[in-house]
Amino acid sequence: QVQLVESGGGLVQPGGSLRLSCVFSGFAFSNYVMSWYRQAPGKEREWVATMSTTGSPTNYGDSMKGRFTISGDNTKKTVYLQMNSLKPEDTAVYYCNARHSFVGLDYWGQGTQVTVSS
């Protein structure tokens, strides 16, 4: 059974930065593709970024390119989302997702709130 635990959310001023973490518990971390999604109030869940646990490539949603960076530490089975130049429209609950590369099973974390406000 896979469990994902996010942390690192909080309140930040526009233009600020946050780093989210997602700790993966379970077996065969290298068999998963890891992603971040977000969901703002009243909106559908939106894809943010994806990376392979075996290395590149990484991909980003259009509004995140150049501001967000997804990375991972396989020894810690942890995925990060570095968010810079944050905007009020980045306010959302951010979710970590693990998708098994071969069977397509999806696992989700509980989410961490990010609020960008002055």
C-alpha atoms as a PDB file:
ATOM      1  CA  GLN A   1       0.000   0.000   0.000  1.00  0.00           C
ATOM      2  CA  VAL A   2       1.301   3.439  -0.965  1.00  0.00           C
ATOM      3  CA  GLN A   3       0.888   6.450   1.279  1.00  0.00           C
ATOM      4  CA  LEU A   4       1.796  10.011   0.394  1.00  0.00           C
ATOM      5  CA  VAL A   5       2.227  12.772   2.965  1.00  0.00           C
ATOM      6  CA  GLU A   6       2.584  16.387   1.856  1.00  0.00           C
ATOM      7  CA  SER A   7       3.973  19.233   3.904  1.00  0.00           C
ATOM      8  CA  GLY A   8       5.358  22.720   3.471  1.00  0.00           C
ATOM      9  CA  GLY A   9       2.242  24.719   2.687  1.00  0.00           C
ATOM     10  CA  GLY A  10       1.391  27.973   4.364  1.00  0.00           C
ATOM     11  CA  LEU A  11       0.736  31.663   3.927  1.00  0.00           C
ATOM     12  CA  VAL A  12       3.152  33.639   1.774  1.00  0.00           C
ATOM     13  CA  GLN A  13       3.136  37.119   0.278  1.00  0.00           C
ATOM     14  CA  PRO A  14       2.966  37.652  -3.482  1.00  0.00           C
ATOM     15  CA  GLY A  15       6.410  37.239  -4.982  1.00  0.00           C
ATOM     16  CA  GLY A  16       7.487  34.878  -2.228  1.00  0.00           C
ATOM     17  CA  SER A  17       8.556  31.252  -2.313  1.00  0.00           C
ATOM     18  CA  LEU A  18       7.563  27.955  -0.749  1.00  0.00           C
ATOM     19  CA  ARG A  19       8.867  24.414  -1.023  1.00  0.00           C
ATOM     20  CA  LEU A  20       6.417  21.572  -0.735  1.00  0.00           C
ATOM     21  CA  SER A  21       7.487  18.049   0.151  1.00  0.00           C
ATOM     22  CA  CYS A  22       5.807  14.709  -0.504  1.00  0.00           C
ATOM     23  CA  VAL A  23       7.059  11.630   1.310  1.00  0.00           C
ATOM     24  CA  PHE A  24       6.285   8.297  -0.356  1.00  0.00           C
ATOM     25  CA  SER A  25       5.732   5.237   1.852  1.00  0.00           C
ATOM     26  CA  GLY A  26       5.569   1.857   0.179  1.00  0.00           C
ATOM     27  CA  PHE A  27       7.502  -0.369  -2.164  1.00  0.00           C
ATOM     28  CA  ALA A  28       9.062   0.125  -5.569  1.00  0.00           C
ATOM     29  CA  PHE A  29       9.244   3.902  -5.589  1.00  0.00           C
ATOM     30  CA  SER A  30      11.109   3.722  -8.888  1.00  0.00           C
ATOM     31  CA  ASN A  31       8.019   2.233 -10.576  1.00  0.00           C
ATOM     32  CA  TYR A  32       6.025   5.401 -10.083  1.00  0.00           C
ATOM     33  CA  VAL A  33       5.633   8.672 -11.894  1.00  0.00           C
ATOM     34  CA  MET A  34       5.218  11.485  -9.384  1.00  0.00           C
ATOM     35  CA  SER A  35       3.107  14.578  -9.931  1.00  0.00           C
ATOM     36  CA  TRP A  36       1.752  17.613  -8.177  1.00  0.00           C
ATOM     37  CA  TYR A  37      -1.779  18.871  -8.702  1.00  0.00           C
ATOM     38  CA  ARG A  38      -3.671  21.738  -7.152  1.00  0.00           C
ATOM     39  CA  GLN A  39      -7.274  22.661  -6.571  1.00  0.00           C
ATOM     40  CA  ALA A  40      -8.520  26.155  -5.864  1.00  0.00           C
ATOM     41  CA  PRO A  41     -11.926  26.789  -4.260  1.00  0.00           C
ATOM     42  CA  GLY A  42     -14.711  26.291  -6.754  1.00  0.00           C
ATOM     43  CA  LYS A  43     -12.356  25.038  -9.461  1.00  0.00           C
ATOM     44  CA  GLU A  44     -11.391  21.665 -10.873  1.00  0.00           C
ATOM     45  CA  ARG A  45      -8.171  19.977  -9.903  1.00  0.00           C
ATOM     46  CA  GLU A  46      -5.330  21.255 -12.079  1.00  0.00           C
ATOM     47  CA  TRP A  47      -2.132  19.479 -13.060  1.00  0.00           C
ATOM     48  CA  VAL A  48       1.007  21.306 -11.926  1.00  0.00           C
ATOM     49  CA  ALA A  49       4.083  19.199 -12.674  1.00  0.00           C
ATOM     50  CA  THR A  50       5.289  15.656 -13.266  1.00  0.00           C
ATOM     51  CA  MET A  51       8.581  13.835 -12.967  1.00  0.00           C
ATOM     52  CA  SER A  52       9.854  10.314 -13.344  1.00  0.00           C
ATOM     53  CA  THR A  53      11.506   8.804 -10.280  1.00  0.00           C
ATOM     54  CA  THR A  54      14.168   7.432 -12.585  1.00  0.00           C
ATOM     55  CA  GLY A  55      15.229  10.940 -13.584  1.00  0.00           C
ATOM     56  CA  SER A  56      14.138  13.213 -16.380  1.00  0.00           C
ATOM     57  CA  PRO A  57      11.976  14.282 -17.968  1.00  0.00           C
ATOM     58  CA  THR A  58       9.991  16.814 -16.004  1.00  0.00           C
ATOM     59  CA  ASN A  59       6.938  18.587 -17.304  1.00  0.00           C
ATOM     60  CA  TYR A  60       4.959  21.583 -16.122  1.00  0.00           C
ATOM     61  CA  GLY A  61       1.633  23.227 -16.620  1.00  0.00           C
ATOM     62  CA  ASP A  62       1.854  26.382 -18.711  1.00  0.00           C
ATOM     63  CA  SER A  63       1.246  28.831 -15.876  1.00  0.00           C
ATOM     64  CA  MET A  64       3.947  27.200 -13.738  1.00  0.00           C
ATOM     65  CA  LYS A  65       6.793  27.099 -16.247  1.00  0.00           C
ATOM     66  CA  GLY A  66       9.764  29.148 -15.129  1.00  0.00           C
ATOM     67  CA  ARG A  67       8.404  29.574 -11.599  1.00  0.00           C
ATOM     68  CA  PHE A  68       7.952  26.043 -10.249  1.00  0.00           C
ATOM     69  CA  THR A  69      10.488  23.233 -10.125  1.00  0.00           C
ATOM     70  CA  ILE A  70       9.735  19.598  -9.348  1.00  0.00           C
ATOM     71  CA  SER A  71      12.568  17.458  -8.045  1.00  0.00           C
ATOM     72  CA  GLY A  72      13.116  14.297  -6.076  1.00  0.00           C
ATOM     73  CA  ASP A  73      15.419  12.470  -3.706  1.00  0.00           C
ATOM     74  CA  ASN A  74      15.149   8.741  -4.336  1.00  0.00           C
ATOM     75  CA  THR A  75      17.113   7.863  -1.198  1.00  0.00           C
ATOM     76  CA  LYS A  76      14.468   9.637   0.865  1.00  0.00           C
ATOM     77  CA  LYS A  77      11.577   8.673  -1.436  1.00  0.00           C
ATOM     78  CA  THR A  78      10.580  12.311  -1.392  1.00  0.00           C
ATOM     79  CA  VAL A  79       9.396  14.637  -4.126  1.00  0.00           C
ATOM     80  CA  TYR A  80       9.604  18.409  -3.844  1.00  0.00           C
ATOM     81  CA  LEU A  81       7.878  21.320  -5.492  1.00  0.00           C
ATOM     82  CA  GLN A  82       9.830  24.551  -5.296  1.00  0.00           C
ATOM     83  CA  MET A  83       7.506  27.451  -5.998  1.00  0.00           C
ATOM     84  CA  ASN A  84       8.943  30.902  -6.691  1.00  0.00           C
ATOM     85  CA  SER A  85       7.392  34.224  -7.682  1.00  0.00           C
ATOM     86  CA  LEU A  86       4.115  33.136  -6.187  1.00  0.00           C
ATOM     87  CA  LYS A  87       0.921  34.890  -7.229  1.00  0.00           C
ATOM     88  CA  PRO A  88      -2.475  35.122  -5.534  1.00  0.00           C
ATOM     89  CA  GLU A  89      -3.857  32.842  -8.247  1.00  0.00           C
ATOM     90  CA  ASP A  90      -1.509  30.111  -7.035  1.00  0.00           C
ATOM     91  CA  THR A  91      -3.635  29.849  -3.900  1.00  0.00           C
ATOM     92  CA  ALA A  92      -4.942  26.283  -3.705  1.00  0.00           C
ATOM     93  CA  VAL A  93      -4.668  22.973  -1.960  1.00  0.00           C
ATOM     94  CA  TYR A  94      -1.680  21.177  -3.456  1.00  0.00           C
ATOM     95  CA  TYR A  95      -1.815  17.396  -3.811  1.00  0.00           C
ATOM     96  CA  CYS A  96       0.895  14.856  -4.432  1.00  0.00           C
ATOM     97  CA  ASN A  97       0.103  12.007  -6.826  1.00  0.00           C
ATOM     98  CA  ALA A  98       1.883   8.729  -7.506  1.00  0.00           C
ATOM     99  CA  ARG A  99       0.927   6.768 -10.607  1.00  0.00           C
ATOM    100  CA  HIS A 100       2.286   3.279 -11.142  1.00  0.00           C
ATOM    101  CA  SER A 101       4.076   3.191 -14.478  1.00  0.00           C
ATOM    102  CA  PHE A 102       2.854  -0.273 -15.497  1.00  0.00           C
ATOM    103  CA  VAL A 103      -0.615  -0.745 -14.060  1.00  0.00           C
ATOM    104  CA  GLY A 104      -1.747   2.860 -13.873  1.00  0.00           C
ATOM    105  CA  LEU A 105      -2.835   2.833 -10.232  1.00  0.00           C
ATOM    106  CA  ASP A 106      -3.162   6.284  -8.713  1.00  0.00           C
ATOM    107  CA  TYR A 107      -2.440   7.305  -5.130  1.00  0.00           C
ATOM    108  CA  TRP A 108      -3.083  10.728  -3.596  1.00  0.00           C
ATOM    109  CA  GLY A 109      -1.900  12.570  -0.546  1.00  0.00           C
ATOM    110  CA  GLN A 110      -4.179  14.502   1.769  1.00  0.00           C
ATOM    111  CA  GLY A 111      -3.116  17.877   0.386  1.00  0.00           C
ATOM    112  CA  THR A 112      -1.406  20.938   1.796  1.00  0.00           C
ATOM    113  CA  GLN A 113      -2.857  24.452   1.689  1.00  0.00           C
ATOM    114  CA  VAL A 114      -0.934  27.230  -0.031  1.00  0.00           C
ATOM    115  CA  THR A 115      -2.258  30.755   0.373  1.00  0.00           C
ATOM    116  CA  VAL A 116      -0.662  33.675  -1.439  1.00  0.00           C
ATOM    117  CA  SER A 117      -1.889  36.939  -0.025  1.00  0.00           C
ATOM    118  CA  SER A 118      -0.631  40.268   1.255  1.00  0.00           C
END
